[in-house]
Amino acid sequence: MKILITGTAGFIGFHLANRLLERGDEVVGLDNINDYYDVNLKYGRLEQAGIDKDKIEYGKVVESKKYPNYKFIKLNLEDKEAVDKLFKEEKFDKVCHLAAQAGVRYSLTNPDAYIQSNIVGHMNILEAVRHNGVKALSYASSSSVYGLNKKQPFSTDDNVDHPISLYAATKKADELMSHTYSYLYNIPTTGLRFFTVYGPWGRPDMALFKFVKNILEDKPIDVYNYGNMQRDFTYIDDIIEGVVRVIDNSPKGNPNWDGRPSESVAPYKIYNIGRGKPVKLIDFIEAIEETLGKEAKKNLLPMQPGDVPSTWADTSALEKELGYKPKVDVKEGIKKFVDWYRWFYKV
């Protein structure tokens, strides 16, 4: 199977590409390698997959030195002409679209980046899928779409019309656009609502990365909502297991896709991918302290705009329909991240 993965210099895309390559799929990776966070980490991920940094140029396909069935191209998703050209030349069987402008807080100060990447970019992918015979599209949504929802655990049957960040709004928009294309053009699409992903090669703007870095450097850590927030922290290997199962099982038309009788028979699906066990932030920090053997200097702060007090994934649909079962608990996952961090940064 030939698969396009967008965002392969990113955290989830990097791990997904490696997993699919190791099982024998042909993969083309795409990323624009922007500077939202340290590009050296992005190049480090690509180098781990055999992509030579010195050979990367915009619009040029680079072959992996490690995997004979892996190619990478640096592209902006907003570059419609280049995206269309890539689809026509490569003739993908399936697409897993993970590239996006990430981050809730960054969306408060840089809204335009989210419209361009998450709306225009997603639209260009949908159009390319539509016109090039792609069999199915899976794509990254986010747990942030649940916004002000109070009922927990969060279910994909819940109404999600109350986002509290532009990032969340763009992800909800992606789901709506995808349903439209599924309905109009019979394209199987699956949205993946990820819940607080962490692990080796993770993003520097995420809590675990920042906490470990600052604790090791004897710097204080910012603890929002005074540590009373809860997050459904999900280890990267469990996330990837869920994504692979989705790629291998495209949705079929279902008149009851949203739990209610409907005229829609679109081959469309939304899944939560999480651990299904929320952890209090202060307990998460204590587990990090235990792993590092060092106490954190905590800067206790109120809730930030755009944040939610708690996330908790109802993963029953993914478990029942695709056999998903998360395996890695928080203490084990933190240890694996810390081991990687010490190795990568030589500390």
C-alpha atoms as a PDB file:
ATOM      1  CA  MET A   1       0.000   0.000   0.000  1.00  0.00           C
ATOM      2  CA  LYS A   2       1.297   3.446  -0.930  1.00  0.00           C
ATOM      3  CA  ILE A   3       0.517   6.049   1.723  1.00  0.00           C
ATOM      4  CA  LEU A   4       1.076   9.792   1.924  1.00  0.00           C
ATOM      5  CA  ILE A   5       1.697  11.007   5.466  1.00  0.00           C
ATOM      6  CA  THR A   6       1.701  14.759   5.929  1.00  0.00           C
ATOM      7  CA  GLY A   7       3.630  16.094   8.906  1.00  0.00           C
ATOM      8  CA  THR A   8       6.435  13.503   8.966  1.00  0.00           C
ATOM      9  CA  ALA A   9       8.902  15.942  10.515  1.00  0.00           C
ATOM     10  CA  GLY A  10       6.361  16.238  13.321  1.00  0.00           C
ATOM     11  CA  PHE A  11       5.899  14.099  16.405  1.00  0.00           C
ATOM     12  CA  ILE A  12       3.041  11.760  15.435  1.00  0.00           C
ATOM     13  CA  GLY A  13       3.877  11.727  11.723  1.00  0.00           C
ATOM     14  CA  PHE A  14       7.464  10.651  12.408  1.00  0.00           C
ATOM     15  CA  HIS A  15       6.378   7.686  14.531  1.00  0.00           C
ATOM     16  CA  LEU A  16       3.606   6.689  12.116  1.00  0.00           C
ATOM     17  CA  ALA A  17       5.935   6.725   9.113  1.00  0.00           C
ATOM     18  CA  ASN A  18       8.420   4.463  10.913  1.00  0.00           C
ATOM     19  CA  ARG A  19       5.691   2.036  11.923  1.00  0.00           C
ATOM     20  CA  LEU A  20       4.260   1.739   8.404  1.00  0.00           C
ATOM     21  CA  LEU A  21       7.706   1.486   6.810  1.00  0.00           C
ATOM     22  CA  GLU A  22       8.729  -1.296   9.173  1.00  0.00           C
ATOM     23  CA  ARG A  23       5.704  -3.358   8.195  1.00  0.00           C
ATOM     24  CA  GLY A  24       6.473  -2.909   4.485  1.00  0.00           C
ATOM     25  CA  ASP A  25       4.238  -0.096   3.249  1.00  0.00           C
ATOM     26  CA  GLU A  26       5.507   2.445   0.732  1.00  0.00           C
ATOM     27  CA  VAL A  27       5.462   5.894   2.328  1.00  0.00           C
ATOM     28  CA  VAL A  28       5.850   9.423   1.020  1.00  0.00           C
ATOM     29  CA  GLY A  29       6.331  11.961   3.810  1.00  0.00           C
ATOM     30  CA  LEU A  30       5.528  15.648   3.505  1.00  0.00           C
ATOM     31  CA  ASP A  31       6.323  18.549   5.822  1.00  0.00           C
ATOM     32  CA  ASN A  32       7.112  22.247   5.501  1.00  0.00           C
ATOM     33  CA  ILE A  33       9.544  22.124   8.477  1.00  0.00           C
ATOM     34  CA  ASN A  34       8.340  25.469   9.847  1.00  0.00           C
ATOM     35  CA  ASP A  35       9.924  27.138  12.864  1.00  0.00           C
ATOM     36  CA  TYR A  36       6.963  26.911  15.267  1.00  0.00           C
ATOM     37  CA  TYR A  37       9.446  25.044  17.443  1.00  0.00           C
ATOM     38  CA  ASP A  38      13.101  23.978  17.210  1.00  0.00           C
ATOM     39  CA  VAL A  39      13.736  22.858  13.624  1.00  0.00           C
ATOM     40  CA  ASN A  40      16.748  20.832  14.794  1.00  0.00           C
ATOM     41  CA  LEU A  41      14.319  18.439  16.471  1.00  0.00           C
ATOM     42  CA  LYS A  42      12.360  18.151  13.226  1.00  0.00           C
ATOM     43  CA  TYR A  43      15.499  17.472  11.214  1.00  0.00           C
ATOM     44  CA  GLY A  44      16.561  14.996  13.892  1.00  0.00           C
ATOM     45  CA  ARG A  45      13.350  13.019  13.372  1.00  0.00           C
ATOM     46  CA  LEU A  46      13.852  13.028   9.606  1.00  0.00           C
ATOM     47  CA  GLU A  47      17.463  11.898   9.974  1.00  0.00           C
ATOM     48  CA  GLN A  48      16.336   8.998  12.162  1.00  0.00           C
ATOM     49  CA  ALA A  49      14.249   7.865   9.194  1.00  0.00           C
ATOM     50  CA  GLY A  50      17.189   8.197   6.806  1.00  0.00           C
ATOM     51  CA  ILE A  51      16.379  11.584   5.274  1.00  0.00           C
ATOM     52  CA  ASP A  52      19.556  13.619   4.775  1.00  0.00           C
ATOM     53  CA  LYS A  53      19.068  17.201   5.950  1.00  0.00           C
ATOM     54  CA  ASP A  54      21.535  18.554   3.384  1.00  0.00           C
ATOM     55  CA  LYS A  55      19.471  17.165   0.505  1.00  0.00           C
ATOM     56  CA  ILE A  56      16.170  18.731   1.557  1.00  0.00           C
ATOM     57  CA  GLU A  57      14.968  21.478  -0.780  1.00  0.00           C
ATOM     58  CA  TYR A  58      11.499  22.873  -1.282  1.00  0.00           C
ATOM     59  CA  GLY A  59       9.551  20.777  -3.808  1.00  0.00           C
ATOM     60  CA  LYS A  60      12.309  18.185  -4.213  1.00  0.00           C
ATOM     61  CA  VAL A  61      11.748  14.496  -3.430  1.00  0.00           C
ATOM     62  CA  VAL A  62      14.465  12.995  -1.193  1.00  0.00           C
ATOM     63  CA  GLU A  63      14.949   9.242  -0.843  1.00  0.00           C
ATOM     64  CA  SER A  64      15.684   7.683   2.543  1.00  0.00           C
ATOM     65  CA  LYS A  65      19.062   6.065   3.174  1.00  0.00           C
ATOM     66  CA  LYS A  66      17.462   3.793   5.776  1.00  0.00           C
ATOM     67  CA  TYR A  67      14.180   2.708   4.172  1.00  0.00           C
ATOM     68  CA  PRO A  68      14.129   1.911   0.426  1.00  0.00           C
ATOM     69  CA  ASN A  69      10.352   2.433   0.450  1.00  0.00           C
ATOM     70  CA  TYR A  70      10.441   5.952   1.946  1.00  0.00           C
ATOM     71  CA  LYS A  71      10.594   9.331   0.202  1.00  0.00           C
ATOM     72  CA  PHE A  72      10.230  12.812   1.686  1.00  0.00           C
ATOM     73  CA  ILE A  73       9.277  16.157   0.181  1.00  0.00           C
ATOM     74  CA  LYS A  74       9.295  19.608   1.748  1.00  0.00           C
ATOM     75  CA  LEU A  75       6.056  21.389   0.792  1.00  0.00           C
ATOM     76  CA  ASN A  76       3.552  23.886   2.132  1.00  0.00           C
ATOM     77  CA  LEU A  77       0.021  22.499   2.147  1.00  0.00           C
ATOM     78  CA  GLU A  78      -1.208  25.940   1.074  1.00  0.00           C
ATOM     79  CA  ASP A  79       0.751  25.480  -2.179  1.00  0.00           C
ATOM     80  CA  LYS A  80      -2.158  23.962  -4.088  1.00  0.00           C
ATOM     81  CA  GLU A  81      -0.319  23.595  -7.392  1.00  0.00           C
ATOM     82  CA  ALA A  82       2.565  21.691  -5.782  1.00  0.00           C
ATOM     83  CA  VAL A  83       0.214  19.473  -3.743  1.00  0.00           C
ATOM     84  CA  ASP A  84      -1.814  18.603  -6.862  1.00  0.00           C
ATOM     85  CA  LYS A  85       1.379  17.814  -8.781  1.00  0.00           C
ATOM     86  CA  LEU A  86       2.588  15.468  -6.023  1.00  0.00           C
ATOM     87  CA  PHE A  87      -0.711  13.563  -5.968  1.00  0.00           C
ATOM     88  CA  LYS A  88      -0.761  13.184  -9.752  1.00  0.00           C
ATOM     89  CA  GLU A  89       2.816  11.893  -9.863  1.00  0.00           C
ATOM     90  CA  GLU A  90       2.757   9.552  -6.858  1.00  0.00           C
ATOM     91  CA  LYS A  91      -0.751   8.028  -7.159  1.00  0.00           C
ATOM     92  CA  PHE A  92      -1.375   7.309  -3.473  1.00  0.00           C
ATOM     93  CA  ASP A  93      -3.651   4.539  -2.262  1.00  0.00           C
ATOM     94  CA  LYS A  94      -4.397   6.269   1.031  1.00  0.00           C
ATOM     95  CA  VAL A  95      -3.567   9.524   2.798  1.00  0.00           C
ATOM     96  CA  CYS A  96      -3.017  10.194   6.493  1.00  0.00           C
ATOM     97  CA  HIS A  97      -3.086  13.964   6.935  1.00  0.00           C
ATOM     98  CA  LEU A  98      -1.397  14.946  10.214  1.00  0.00           C
ATOM     99  CA  ALA A  99       0.277  18.223   9.250  1.00  0.00           C
ATOM    100  CA  ALA A 100      -1.258  21.280  10.908  1.00  0.00           C
ATOM    101  CA  GLN A 101      -0.426  24.376  12.848  1.00  0.00           C
ATOM    102  CA  ALA A 102      -0.594  23.030  16.384  1.00  0.00           C
ATOM    103  CA  GLY A 103      -0.968  24.667  19.784  1.00  0.00           C
ATOM    104  CA  VAL A 104      -3.874  26.265  21.616  1.00  0.00           C
ATOM    105  CA  ARG A 105      -1.970  29.197  23.120  1.00  0.00           C
ATOM    106  CA  TYR A 106      -0.109  30.067  19.909  1.00  0.00           C
ATOM    107  CA  SER A 107      -3.481  30.445  18.153  1.00  0.00           C
ATOM    108  CA  LEU A 108      -4.314  33.369  20.437  1.00  0.00           C
ATOM    109  CA  THR A 109      -1.475  35.452  18.996  1.00  0.00           C
ATOM    110  CA  ASN A 110      -0.993  34.004  15.484  1.00  0.00           C
ATOM    111  CA  PRO A 111      -4.498  33.268  14.138  1.00  0.00           C
ATOM    112  CA  ASP A 112      -3.591  33.616  10.452  1.00  0.00           C
ATOM    113  CA  ALA A 113      -1.217  30.638  10.629  1.00  0.00           C
ATOM    114  CA  TYR A 114      -4.127  28.407  11.654  1.00  0.00           C
ATOM    115  CA  ILE A 115      -6.417  29.518   8.853  1.00  0.00           C
ATOM    116  CA  GLN A 116      -3.746  28.984   6.223  1.00  0.00           C
ATOM    117  CA  SER A 117      -2.439  25.631   7.435  1.00  0.00           C
ATOM    118  CA  ASN A 118      -5.491  24.031   9.032  1.00  0.00           C
ATOM    119  CA  ILE A 119      -8.256  25.331   6.763  1.00  0.00           C
ATOM    120  CA  VAL A 120      -6.672  26.105   3.386  1.00  0.00           C
ATOM    121  CA  GLY A 121      -4.200  23.221   3.722  1.00  0.00           C
ATOM    122  CA  HIS A 122      -6.924  20.732   4.671  1.00  0.00           C
ATOM    123  CA  MET A 123      -9.057  21.897   1.759  1.00  0.00           C
ATOM    124  CA  ASN A 124      -6.176  21.359  -0.671  1.00  0.00           C
ATOM    125  CA  ILE A 125      -5.723  17.816   0.635  1.00  0.00           C
ATOM    126  CA  LEU A 126      -9.452  17.084   0.232  1.00  0.00           C
ATOM    127  CA  GLU A 127      -9.404  18.351  -3.358  1.00  0.00           C
ATOM    128  CA  ALA A 128      -6.270  16.360  -4.200  1.00  0.00           C
ATOM    129  CA  VAL A 129      -7.796  13.217  -2.693  1.00  0.00           C
ATOM    130  CA  ARG A 130     -11.004  13.799  -4.654  1.00  0.00           C
ATOM    131  CA  HIS A 131      -9.315  14.196  -8.041  1.00  0.00           C
ATOM    132  CA  ASN A 132      -6.650  11.490  -7.808  1.00  0.00           C
ATOM    133  CA  GLY A 133      -8.420   8.261  -6.967  1.00  0.00           C
ATOM    134  CA  VAL A 134      -7.283   8.031  -3.341  1.00  0.00           C
ATOM    135  CA  LYS A 135      -9.171   5.221  -1.587  1.00  0.00           C
ATOM    136  CA  ALA A 136      -9.425   6.814   1.870  1.00  0.00           C
ATOM    137  CA  LEU A 137      -8.342   9.804   3.957  1.00  0.00           C
ATOM    138  CA  SER A 138      -7.629   9.849   7.677  1.00  0.00           C
ATOM    139  CA  TYR A 139      -6.706  13.114   9.352  1.00  0.00           C
ATOM    140  CA  ALA A 140      -5.792  14.681  12.682  1.00  0.00           C
ATOM    141  CA  SER A 141      -8.502  16.402  14.633  1.00  0.00           C
ATOM    142  CA  SER A 142      -8.115  17.178  18.343  1.00  0.00           C
ATOM    143  CA  SER A 143      -9.686  16.694  21.760  1.00  0.00           C
ATOM    144  CA  SER A 144      -9.796  20.494  21.915  1.00  0.00           C
ATOM    145  CA  VAL A 145     -12.975  20.438  19.776  1.00  0.00           C
ATOM    146  CA  TYR A 146     -14.909  19.473  22.925  1.00  0.00           C
ATOM    147  CA  GLY A 147     -14.305  22.992  24.248  1.00  0.00           C
ATOM    148  CA  LEU A 148     -16.774  23.939  26.973  1.00  0.00           C
ATOM    149  CA  ASN A 149     -18.391  20.490  27.143  1.00  0.00           C
ATOM    150  CA  LYS A 150     -18.989  19.544  30.765  1.00  0.00           C
ATOM    151  CA  LYS A 151     -20.103  15.908  30.349  1.00  0.00           C
ATOM    152  CA  GLN A 152     -17.255  13.411  30.636  1.00  0.00           C
ATOM    153  CA  PRO A 153     -15.839  11.247  29.271  1.00  0.00           C
ATOM    154  CA  PHE A 154     -15.969  13.081  25.957  1.00  0.00           C
ATOM    155  CA  SER A 155     -17.902  11.070  23.371  1.00  0.00           C
ATOM    156  CA  THR A 156     -17.888  11.509  19.610  1.00  0.00           C
ATOM    157  CA  ASP A 157     -21.701  11.589  19.890  1.00  0.00           C
ATOM    158  CA  ASP A 158     -21.464  14.821  21.921  1.00  0.00           C
ATOM    159  CA  ASN A 159     -22.233  18.219  20.444  1.00  0.00           C
ATOM    160  CA  VAL A 160     -19.005  20.155  19.777  1.00  0.00           C
ATOM    161  CA  ASP A 161     -20.321  23.581  18.823  1.00  0.00           C
ATOM    162  CA  HIS A 162     -18.558  25.504  21.597  1.00  0.00           C
ATOM    163  CA  PRO A 163     -14.790  25.665  20.895  1.00  0.00           C
ATOM    164  CA  ILE A 164     -12.771  28.101  23.015  1.00  0.00           C
ATOM    165  CA  SER A 165      -9.691  28.514  20.817  1.00  0.00           C
ATOM    166  CA  LEU A 166      -9.206  29.199  17.122  1.00  0.00           C
ATOM    167  CA  TYR A 167      -7.123  26.012  16.941  1.00  0.00           C
ATOM    168  CA  ALA A 168     -10.135  23.994  18.115  1.00  0.00           C
ATOM    169  CA  ALA A 169     -12.417  25.824  15.690  1.00  0.00           C
ATOM    170  CA  THR A 170     -10.170  24.978  12.731  1.00  0.00           C
ATOM    171  CA  LYS A 171     -10.156  21.297  13.716  1.00  0.00           C
ATOM    172  CA  LYS A 172     -13.951  21.253  13.934  1.00  0.00           C
ATOM    173  CA  ALA A 173     -14.051  22.937  10.519  1.00  0.00           C
ATOM    174  CA  ASP A 174     -11.818  20.168   9.126  1.00  0.00           C
ATOM    175  CA  GLU A 175     -14.306  17.568  10.358  1.00  0.00           C
ATOM    176  CA  LEU A 176     -17.206  19.406   8.711  1.00  0.00           C
ATOM    177  CA  MET A 177     -15.393  19.814   5.393  1.00  0.00           C
ATOM    178  CA  SER A 178     -14.426  16.153   5.437  1.00  0.00           C
ATOM    179  CA  HIS A 179     -18.016  15.059   6.008  1.00  0.00           C
ATOM    180  CA  THR A 180     -19.079  17.181   3.054  1.00  0.00           C
ATOM    181  CA  TYR A 181     -16.548  15.478   0.778  1.00  0.00           C
ATOM    182  CA  SER A 182     -17.490  12.052   2.086  1.00  0.00           C
ATOM    183  CA  TYR A 183     -21.152  12.750   1.328  1.00  0.00           C
ATOM    184  CA  LEU A 184     -20.732  14.461  -2.049  1.00  0.00           C
ATOM    185  CA  TYR A 185     -17.956  12.315  -3.509  1.00  0.00           C
ATOM    186  CA  ASN A 186     -18.194   9.045  -1.542  1.00  0.00           C
ATOM    187  CA  ILE A 187     -14.657   9.480  -0.159  1.00  0.00           C
ATOM    188  CA  PRO A 188     -14.084   7.511   3.076  1.00  0.00           C
ATOM    189  CA  THR A 189     -12.757   9.985   5.665  1.00  0.00           C
ATOM    190  CA  THR A 190     -11.885   9.412   9.321  1.00  0.00           C
ATOM    191  CA  GLY A 191     -11.145  12.170  11.827  1.00  0.00           C
ATOM    192  CA  LEU A 192      -8.876  11.358  14.763  1.00  0.00           C
ATOM    193  CA  ARG A 193      -9.421  13.328  17.959  1.00  0.00           C
ATOM    194  CA  PHE A 194      -6.073  12.939  19.718  1.00  0.00           C
ATOM    195  CA  PHE A 195      -5.826  13.347  23.486  1.00  0.00           C
ATOM    196  CA  THR A 196      -2.603  14.864  24.941  1.00  0.00           C
ATOM    197  CA  VAL A 197       0.001  12.777  23.125  1.00  0.00           C
ATOM    198  CA  TYR A 198       3.427  12.404  24.747  1.00  0.00           C
ATOM    199  CA  GLY A 199       6.575  10.293  24.398  1.00  0.00           C
ATOM    200  CA  PRO A 200      10.050  10.229  22.790  1.00  0.00           C
ATOM    201  CA  TRP A 201      10.608  12.826  20.061  1.00  0.00           C
ATOM    202  CA  GLY A 202       7.675  14.853  21.448  1.00  0.00           C
ATOM    203  CA  ARG A 203       7.042  18.543  20.897  1.00  0.00           C
ATOM    204  CA  PRO A 204       8.924  21.124  23.019  1.00  0.00           C
ATOM    205  CA  ASP A 205       5.723  23.154  23.546  1.00  0.00           C
ATOM    206  CA  MET A 206       4.012  20.245  25.326  1.00  0.00           C
ATOM    207  CA  ALA A 207       3.896  19.976  29.113  1.00  0.00           C
ATOM    208  CA  LEU A 208       6.096  16.901  29.607  1.00  0.00           C
ATOM    209  CA  PHE A 209       8.911  18.273  27.444  1.00  0.00           C
ATOM    210  CA  LYS A 210       8.875  21.682  29.148  1.00  0.00           C
ATOM    211  CA  PHE A 211       8.667  20.198  32.634  1.00  0.00           C
ATOM    212  CA  VAL A 212      11.576  17.780  32.137  1.00  0.00           C
ATOM    213  CA  LYS A 213      13.733  20.458  30.511  1.00  0.00           C
ATOM    214  CA  ASN A 214      13.154  23.034  33.242  1.00  0.00           C
ATOM    215  CA  ILE A 215      13.508  20.626  36.148  1.00  0.00           C
ATOM    216  CA  LEU A 216      16.854  19.362  34.821  1.00  0.00           C
ATOM    217  CA  GLU A 217      18.003  22.968  34.324  1.00  0.00           C
ATOM    218  CA  ASP A 218      16.860  24.028  37.840  1.00  0.00           C
ATOM    219  CA  LYS A 219      14.290  26.408  36.363  1.00  0.00           C
ATOM    220  CA  PRO A 220      10.717  26.809  37.656  1.00  0.00           C
ATOM    221  CA  ILE A 221       7.824  25.214  35.788  1.00  0.00           C
ATOM    222  CA  ASP A 222       4.529  26.999  35.087  1.00  0.00           C
ATOM    223  CA  VAL A 223       1.657  24.977  36.561  1.00  0.00           C
ATOM    224  CA  TYR A 224      -1.675  26.291  35.308  1.00  0.00           C
ATOM    225  CA  ASN A 225      -4.927  26.084  37.239  1.00  0.00           C
ATOM    226  CA  TYR A 226      -2.695  25.463  40.266  1.00  0.00           C
ATOM    227  CA  GLY A 227      -2.178  21.863  39.135  1.00  0.00           C
ATOM    228  CA  ASN A 228      -5.873  20.980  39.296  1.00  0.00           C
ATOM    229  CA  MET A 229      -6.297  20.386  35.562  1.00  0.00           C
ATOM    230  CA  GLN A 230      -6.762  16.828  34.336  1.00  0.00           C
ATOM    231  CA  ARG A 231      -5.483  15.476  31.029  1.00  0.00           C
ATOM    232  CA  ASP A 232      -5.958  12.157  29.282  1.00  0.00           C
ATOM    233  CA  PHE A 233      -2.226  11.695  28.669  1.00  0.00           C
ATOM    234  CA  THR A 234      -1.748   9.123  25.877  1.00  0.00           C
ATOM    235  CA  TYR A 235       1.587   7.521  25.024  1.00  0.00           C
ATOM    236  CA  ILE A 236       2.723   7.788  21.414  1.00  0.00           C
ATOM    237  CA  ASP A 237       2.832   4.015  20.763  1.00  0.00           C
ATOM    238  CA  ASP A 238      -0.832   3.722  21.761  1.00  0.00           C
ATOM    239  CA  ILE A 239      -1.712   6.641  19.502  1.00  0.00           C
ATOM    240  CA  ILE A 240       0.099   5.041  16.557  1.00  0.00           C
ATOM    241  CA  GLU A 241      -1.638   1.713  17.153  1.00  0.00           C
ATOM    242  CA  GLY A 242      -4.969   3.485  16.869  1.00  0.00           C
ATOM    243  CA  VAL A 243      -3.986   5.404  13.727  1.00  0.00           C
ATOM    244  CA  VAL A 244      -2.741   2.255  11.961  1.00  0.00           C
ATOM    245  CA  ARG A 245      -6.005   0.464  12.724  1.00  0.00           C
ATOM    246  CA  VAL A 246      -7.913   3.397  11.237  1.00  0.00           C
ATOM    247  CA  ILE A 247      -5.762   3.439   8.086  1.00  0.00           C
ATOM    248  CA  ASP A 248      -6.372  -0.285   7.615  1.00  0.00           C
ATOM    249  CA  ASN A 249     -10.157  -0.033   8.142  1.00  0.00           C
ATOM    250  CA  SER A 250     -11.806   2.670   6.057  1.00  0.00           C
ATOM    251  CA  PRO A 251     -15.372   3.641   7.035  1.00  0.00           C
ATOM    252  CA  LYS A 252     -18.398   2.623   5.006  1.00  0.00           C
ATOM    253  CA  GLY A 253     -21.624   4.546   4.553  1.00  0.00           C
ATOM    254  CA  ASN A 254     -23.755   4.366   7.686  1.00  0.00           C
ATOM    255  CA  PRO A 255     -27.167   6.037   8.004  1.00  0.00           C
ATOM    256  CA  ASN A 256     -26.709   6.077  11.790  1.00  0.00           C
ATOM    257  CA  TRP A 257     -23.114   7.322  11.847  1.00  0.00           C
ATOM    258  CA  ASP A 258     -23.866   9.930  14.515  1.00  0.00           C
ATOM    259  CA  GLY A 259     -26.132   7.740  16.649  1.00  0.00           C
ATOM    260  CA  ARG A 260     -29.333   9.135  15.134  1.00  0.00           C
ATOM    261  CA  PRO A 261     -31.262   8.257  11.954  1.00  0.00           C
ATOM    262  CA  SER A 262     -30.038  10.524   9.220  1.00  0.00           C
ATOM    263  CA  GLU A 263     -30.228  11.056   5.480  1.00  0.00           C
ATOM    264  CA  SER A 264     -26.450  11.023   5.416  1.00  0.00           C
ATOM    265  CA  VAL A 265     -24.916   7.756   4.260  1.00  0.00           C
ATOM    266  CA  ALA A 266     -21.469   9.269   3.963  1.00  0.00           C
ATOM    267  CA  PRO A 267     -18.486   6.941   4.535  1.00  0.00           C
ATOM    268  CA  TYR A 268     -17.409   9.177   7.404  1.00  0.00           C
ATOM    269  CA  LYS A 269     -16.174   8.465  10.925  1.00  0.00           C
ATOM    270  CA  ILE A 270     -14.783  10.284  13.951  1.00  0.00           C
ATOM    271  CA  TYR A 271     -12.811   8.478  16.659  1.00  0.00           C
ATOM    272  CA  ASN A 272     -11.311   9.536  19.957  1.00  0.00           C
ATOM    273  CA  ILE A 273      -7.779   8.219  20.431  1.00  0.00           C
ATOM    274  CA  GLY A 274      -6.791   8.485  24.074  1.00  0.00           C
ATOM    275  CA  ARG A 275      -5.965   6.339  27.076  1.00  0.00           C
ATOM    276  CA  GLY A 276      -9.362   6.831  28.662  1.00  0.00           C
ATOM    277  CA  LYS A 277      -7.860   7.549  32.095  1.00  0.00           C
ATOM    278  CA  PRO A 278      -7.376  11.237  32.955  1.00  0.00           C
ATOM    279  CA  VAL A 279      -4.515  12.182  35.273  1.00  0.00           C
ATOM    280  CA  LYS A 280      -4.386  15.263  37.494  1.00  0.00           C
ATOM    281  CA  LEU A 281      -1.621  17.620  36.373  1.00  0.00           C
ATOM    282  CA  ILE A 282      -0.028  17.781  39.817  1.00  0.00           C
ATOM    283  CA  ASP A 283       0.118  13.950  39.916  1.00  0.00           C
ATOM    284  CA  PHE A 284       1.711  13.944  36.461  1.00  0.00           C
ATOM    285  CA  ILE A 285       4.364  16.346  37.750  1.00  0.00           C
ATOM    286  CA  GLU A 286       5.003  14.143  40.781  1.00  0.00           C
ATOM    287  CA  ALA A 287       5.613  11.174  38.456  1.00  0.00           C
ATOM    288  CA  ILE A 288       8.168  13.268  36.528  1.00  0.00           C
ATOM    289  CA  GLU A 289       9.885  14.277  39.779  1.00  0.00           C
ATOM    290  CA  GLU A 290      10.049  10.641  40.834  1.00  0.00           C
ATOM    291  CA  THR A 291      11.554   9.591  37.497  1.00  0.00           C
ATOM    292  CA  LEU A 292      14.139  12.388  37.537  1.00  0.00           C
ATOM    293  CA  GLY A 293      14.861  12.032  41.248  1.00  0.00           C
ATOM    294  CA  LYS A 294      14.495  15.782  41.533  1.00  0.00           C
ATOM    295  CA  GLU A 295      11.815  18.133  42.840  1.00  0.00           C
ATOM    296  CA  ALA A 296      10.342  20.792  40.596  1.00  0.00           C
ATOM    297  CA  LYS A 297      10.197  24.475  41.439  1.00  0.00           C
ATOM    298  CA  LYS A 298       6.523  25.163  40.788  1.00  0.00           C
ATOM    299  CA  ASN A 299       5.151  28.493  39.610  1.00  0.00           C
ATOM    300  CA  LEU A 300       1.434  28.037  40.382  1.00  0.00           C
ATOM    301  CA  LEU A 301      -0.778  30.040  38.012  1.00  0.00           C
ATOM    302  CA  PRO A 302      -4.485  30.439  37.180  1.00  0.00           C
ATOM    303  CA  MET A 303      -6.090  28.902  34.093  1.00  0.00           C
ATOM    304  CA  GLN A 304      -4.938  30.292  30.743  1.00  0.00           C
ATOM    305  CA  PRO A 305      -7.384  31.562  28.076  1.00  0.00           C
ATOM    306  CA  GLY A 306      -8.233  28.793  25.620  1.00  0.00           C
ATOM    307  CA  ASP A 307      -7.484  25.981  28.092  1.00  0.00           C
ATOM    308  CA  VAL A 308     -10.055  23.535  29.444  1.00  0.00           C
ATOM    309  CA  PRO A 309     -10.019  22.141  32.999  1.00  0.00           C
ATOM    310  CA  SER A 310     -10.245  18.488  32.017  1.00  0.00           C
ATOM    311  CA  THR A 311     -10.065  16.062  29.095  1.00  0.00           C
ATOM    312  CA  TRP A 312     -11.163  12.426  29.151  1.00  0.00           C
ATOM    313  CA  ALA A 313     -11.594  10.267  26.071  1.00  0.00           C
ATOM    314  CA  ASP A 314     -14.425   7.823  25.565  1.00  0.00           C
ATOM    315  CA  THR A 315     -12.570   5.335  23.350  1.00  0.00           C
ATOM    316  CA  SER A 316     -15.315   2.668  23.368  1.00  0.00           C
ATOM    317  CA  ALA A 317     -16.089   3.035  19.652  1.00  0.00           C
ATOM    318  CA  LEU A 318     -12.455   2.536  18.628  1.00  0.00           C
ATOM    319  CA  GLU A 319     -12.138  -0.399  21.017  1.00  0.00           C
ATOM    320  CA  LYS A 320     -15.348  -2.077  19.868  1.00  0.00           C
ATOM    321  CA  GLU A 321     -15.024  -1.486  16.140  1.00  0.00           C
ATOM    322  CA  LEU A 322     -11.250  -1.720  15.582  1.00  0.00           C
ATOM    323  CA  GLY A 323      -9.936  -3.578  18.652  1.00  0.00           C
ATOM    324  CA  TYR A 324      -7.970  -0.615  20.025  1.00  0.00           C
ATOM    325  CA  LYS A 325      -6.571  -1.048  23.542  1.00  0.00           C
ATOM    326  CA  PRO A 326      -4.019   1.379  25.044  1.00  0.00           C
ATOM    327  CA  LYS A 327      -1.244  -0.359  26.987  1.00  0.00           C
ATOM    328  CA  VAL A 328       1.279   2.162  28.345  1.00  0.00           C
ATOM    329  CA  ASP A 329       0.622   3.772  31.728  1.00  0.00           C
ATOM    330  CA  VAL A 330       1.832   7.255  32.622  1.00  0.00           C
ATOM    331  CA  LYS A 331       4.829   6.265  34.770  1.00  0.00           C
ATOM    332  CA  GLU A 332       6.179   3.925  32.087  1.00  0.00           C
ATOM    333  CA  GLY A 333       5.609   6.532  29.374  1.00  0.00           C
ATOM    334  CA  ILE A 334       7.348   9.286  31.343  1.00  0.00           C
ATOM    335  CA  LYS A 335      10.374   7.049  31.920  1.00  0.00           C
ATOM    336  CA  LYS A 336      10.641   6.303  28.198  1.00  0.00           C
ATOM    337  CA  PHE A 337      10.463  10.003  27.396  1.00  0.00           C
ATOM    338  CA  VAL A 338      13.101  10.910  29.992  1.00  0.00           C
ATOM    339  CA  ASP A 339      15.437   8.195  28.669  1.00  0.00           C
ATOM    340  CA  TRP A 340      15.055   9.617  25.162  1.00  0.00           C
ATOM    341  CA  TYR A 341      15.495  13.220  26.344  1.00  0.00           C
ATOM    342  CA  ARG A 342      18.749  12.397  28.155  1.00  0.00           C
ATOM    343  CA  TRP A 343      20.029  10.579  25.066  1.00  0.00           C
ATOM    344  CA  PHE A 344      19.028  13.265  22.526  1.00  0.00           C
ATOM    345  CA  TYR A 345      20.212  16.269  24.544  1.00  0.00           C
ATOM    346  CA  LYS A 346      23.119  14.430  26.215  1.00  0.00           C
ATOM    347  CA  VAL A 347      22.136  15.425  29.771  1.00  0.00           C
END
